[in-house]
Amino acid sequence: MVLARVLFEYTKDEENEMTLIEGEILERIEMIDEGWWSATGDNGNKQGLFPCTLPTPLHLYPFIVY
């Protein structure tokens, strides 16, 4: 699963968009159109579109157990 952290706040302009809060973690990210992504945020409580320049992907590396 791809996760991303929101870098800048965003207030939705349309009903199908999602308001973002700086530092929020997004999941289930999909590229919808050039410049727009869709995701789920707030632990699954909200969903919608937002400009793709606002979040940055989180790189999660699995732990190796010996």
N, C-alpha and C. Protein backbone atom coordinates (compact mmCIF):
# COMPACT_ATOMS: atom_id res chain seq x y z
N MET A 1 0.84 -1.16 0.00
CA MET A 1 0.00 0.00 0.00
C MET A 1 0.90 1.24 0.00
N VAL A 2 0.54 2.22 -0.79
CA VAL A 2 1.27 3.48 -0.84
C VAL A 2 0.66 4.45 0.15
N LEU A 3 1.51 5.06 0.95
CA LEU A 3 1.08 6.08 1.90
C LEU A 3 1.77 7.39 1.55
N ALA A 4 1.15 8.50 1.92
CA ALA A 4 1.75 9.81 1.69
C ALA A 4 1.41 10.74 2.85
N ARG A 5 2.32 11.69 3.11
CA ARG A 5 2.10 12.70 4.15
C ARG A 5 1.79 14.03 3.46
N VAL A 6 0.76 14.71 3.95
CA VAL A 6 0.35 16.00 3.38
C VAL A 6 1.35 17.08 3.82
N LEU A 7 1.88 17.82 2.84
CA LEU A 7 2.86 18.87 3.12
C LEU A 7 2.21 20.23 3.37
N PHE A 8 1.08 20.49 2.72
CA PHE A 8 0.42 21.79 2.81
C PHE A 8 -1.08 21.60 2.97
N GLU A 9 -1.71 22.48 3.73
CA GLU A 9 -3.16 22.40 3.90
C GLU A 9 -3.86 22.76 2.60
N TYR A 10 -5.04 22.18 2.43
CA TYR A 10 -5.84 22.41 1.22
C TYR A 10 -7.31 22.38 1.62
N THR A 11 -8.05 23.39 1.21
CA THR A 11 -9.49 23.42 1.45
C THR A 11 -10.20 23.10 0.14
N LYS A 12 -11.08 22.13 0.18
CA LYS A 12 -11.76 21.69 -1.04
C LYS A 12 -12.61 22.79 -1.64
N ASP A 13 -12.66 22.80 -2.98
CA ASP A 13 -13.48 23.75 -3.71
C ASP A 13 -14.75 23.10 -4.25
N GLU A 14 -14.68 21.79 -4.50
CA GLU A 14 -15.80 21.05 -5.08
C GLU A 14 -16.22 19.94 -4.11
N GLU A 15 -17.42 19.44 -4.28
CA GLU A 15 -17.96 18.40 -3.41
C GLU A 15 -17.16 17.10 -3.46
N ASN A 16 -16.56 16.79 -4.63
CA ASN A 16 -15.82 15.53 -4.77
C ASN A 16 -14.36 15.64 -4.33
N GLU A 17 -13.94 16.80 -3.84
CA GLU A 17 -12.58 16.99 -3.35
C GLU A 17 -12.50 16.72 -1.85
N MET A 18 -11.27 16.68 -1.34
CA MET A 18 -11.05 16.40 0.07
C MET A 18 -10.19 17.50 0.68
N THR A 19 -10.61 18.05 1.82
CA THR A 19 -9.81 19.01 2.55
C THR A 19 -8.66 18.26 3.21
N LEU A 20 -7.44 18.81 3.10
CA LEU A 20 -6.26 18.16 3.65
C LEU A 20 -5.68 19.01 4.77
N ILE A 21 -5.11 18.33 5.77
CA ILE A 21 -4.48 18.99 6.90
C ILE A 21 -2.99 18.66 6.87
N GLU A 22 -2.15 19.66 7.04
CA GLU A 22 -0.70 19.44 7.03
C GLU A 22 -0.32 18.34 8.02
N GLY A 23 0.49 17.38 7.55
CA GLY A 23 0.93 16.26 8.38
C GLY A 23 0.03 15.05 8.34
N GLU A 24 -1.15 15.18 7.78
CA GLU A 24 -2.09 14.06 7.68
C GLU A 24 -1.52 12.95 6.81
N ILE A 25 -1.82 11.71 7.15
CA ILE A 25 -1.37 10.55 6.36
C ILE A 25 -2.52 10.12 5.45
N LEU A 26 -2.21 9.95 4.17
CA LEU A 26 -3.19 9.50 3.18
C LEU A 26 -2.87 8.07 2.77
N GLU A 27 -3.89 7.31 2.46
CA GLU A 27 -3.72 5.93 2.00
C GLU A 27 -4.65 5.65 0.83
N ARG A 28 -4.46 4.50 0.20
CA ARG A 28 -5.25 4.09 -0.97
C ARG A 28 -5.22 5.18 -2.05
N ILE A 29 -4.01 5.60 -2.40
CA ILE A 29 -3.82 6.70 -3.35
C ILE A 29 -3.92 6.20 -4.79
N GLU A 30 -4.66 6.95 -5.61
CA GLU A 30 -4.81 6.65 -7.03
C GLU A 30 -4.62 7.93 -7.84
N MET A 31 -3.89 7.83 -8.98
CA MET A 31 -3.81 8.97 -9.88
C MET A 31 -5.06 8.95 -10.74
N ILE A 32 -5.86 10.00 -10.65
CA ILE A 32 -7.14 10.06 -11.36
C ILE A 32 -6.98 10.75 -12.70
N ASP A 33 -6.31 11.87 -12.69
CA ASP A 33 -6.13 12.69 -13.88
C ASP A 33 -4.80 13.39 -13.72
N GLU A 34 -4.29 13.98 -14.79
CA GLU A 34 -3.03 14.70 -14.69
C GLU A 34 -3.17 15.82 -13.67
N GLY A 35 -2.39 15.73 -12.60
CA GLY A 35 -2.42 16.75 -11.57
C GLY A 35 -3.37 16.49 -10.42
N TRP A 36 -4.19 15.44 -10.48
CA TRP A 36 -5.15 15.14 -9.41
C TRP A 36 -5.04 13.70 -8.96
N TRP A 37 -5.06 13.50 -7.65
CA TRP A 37 -5.07 12.18 -7.05
C TRP A 37 -6.33 12.00 -6.21
N SER A 38 -6.64 10.75 -5.93
CA SER A 38 -7.72 10.40 -5.02
C SER A 38 -7.12 9.57 -3.90
N ALA A 39 -7.63 9.73 -2.68
CA ALA A 39 -7.10 8.96 -1.56
C ALA A 39 -8.13 8.91 -0.44
N THR A 40 -7.78 8.14 0.57
CA THR A 40 -8.55 8.06 1.80
C THR A 40 -7.70 8.67 2.90
N GLY A 41 -8.31 9.44 3.78
CA GLY A 41 -7.59 10.07 4.89
C GLY A 41 -8.37 9.97 6.18
N ASP A 42 -7.78 10.51 7.24
CA ASP A 42 -8.42 10.53 8.55
C ASP A 42 -8.86 9.13 8.97
N ASN A 43 -7.94 8.17 8.82
CA ASN A 43 -8.19 6.77 9.20
C ASN A 43 -9.44 6.19 8.52
N GLY A 44 -9.63 6.55 7.26
CA GLY A 44 -10.74 6.00 6.49
C GLY A 44 -12.04 6.79 6.60
N ASN A 45 -12.04 7.90 7.32
CA ASN A 45 -13.26 8.67 7.54
C ASN A 45 -13.55 9.69 6.45
N LYS A 46 -12.60 9.94 5.55
CA LYS A 46 -12.87 10.86 4.45
C LYS A 46 -12.16 10.39 3.20
N GLN A 47 -12.67 10.82 2.06
CA GLN A 47 -12.16 10.37 0.77
C GLN A 47 -12.46 11.44 -0.27
N GLY A 48 -11.55 11.60 -1.26
CA GLY A 48 -11.82 12.56 -2.31
C GLY A 48 -10.60 12.89 -3.13
N LEU A 49 -10.75 13.88 -4.01
CA LEU A 49 -9.69 14.32 -4.90
C LEU A 49 -8.92 15.50 -4.30
N PHE A 50 -7.66 15.66 -4.74
CA PHE A 50 -6.83 16.77 -4.30
C PHE A 50 -5.68 16.93 -5.29
N PRO A 51 -5.06 18.12 -5.35
CA PRO A 51 -3.92 18.33 -6.24
C PRO A 51 -2.74 17.44 -5.83
N CYS A 52 -2.09 16.82 -6.79
CA CYS A 52 -1.03 15.85 -6.49
C CYS A 52 0.24 16.49 -5.93
N THR A 53 0.35 17.81 -5.96
CA THR A 53 1.56 18.47 -5.46
C THR A 53 1.56 18.65 -3.95
N LEU A 54 0.47 18.32 -3.27
CA LEU A 54 0.36 18.58 -1.83
C LEU A 54 0.95 17.49 -0.94
N PRO A 55 0.88 16.20 -1.29
CA PRO A 55 1.48 15.18 -0.43
C PRO A 55 2.84 14.73 -0.96
N THR A 56 3.60 14.06 -0.10
CA THR A 56 4.85 13.42 -0.50
C THR A 56 4.76 11.95 -0.08
N PRO A 57 5.18 11.03 -0.95
CA PRO A 57 5.10 9.60 -0.60
C PRO A 57 5.97 9.27 0.61
N LEU A 58 5.51 8.34 1.41
CA LEU A 58 6.28 7.83 2.54
C LEU A 58 6.92 6.53 2.11
N HIS A 59 8.20 6.39 2.37
CA HIS A 59 8.91 5.16 2.02
C HIS A 59 9.02 4.31 3.28
N LEU A 60 8.28 3.25 3.29
CA LEU A 60 8.27 2.35 4.44
C LEU A 60 9.08 1.11 4.09
N TYR A 61 10.11 0.86 4.85
CA TYR A 61 10.97 -0.29 4.59
C TYR A 61 10.65 -1.37 5.61
N PRO A 62 10.52 -2.60 5.15
CA PRO A 62 10.23 -3.69 6.09
C PRO A 62 11.42 -3.95 7.00
N PHE A 63 11.14 -4.33 8.22
CA PHE A 63 12.20 -4.67 9.14
C PHE A 63 12.66 -6.09 8.85
N ILE A 64 13.95 -6.30 8.93
CA ILE A 64 14.52 -7.64 8.72
C ILE A 64 14.79 -8.23 10.08
N VAL A 65 14.25 -9.40 10.33
CA VAL A 65 14.45 -10.09 11.61
C VAL A 65 15.38 -11.26 11.37
N TYR A 66 16.44 -11.32 12.14
CA TYR A 66 17.42 -12.42 12.02
C TYR A 66 17.21 -13.42 13.09
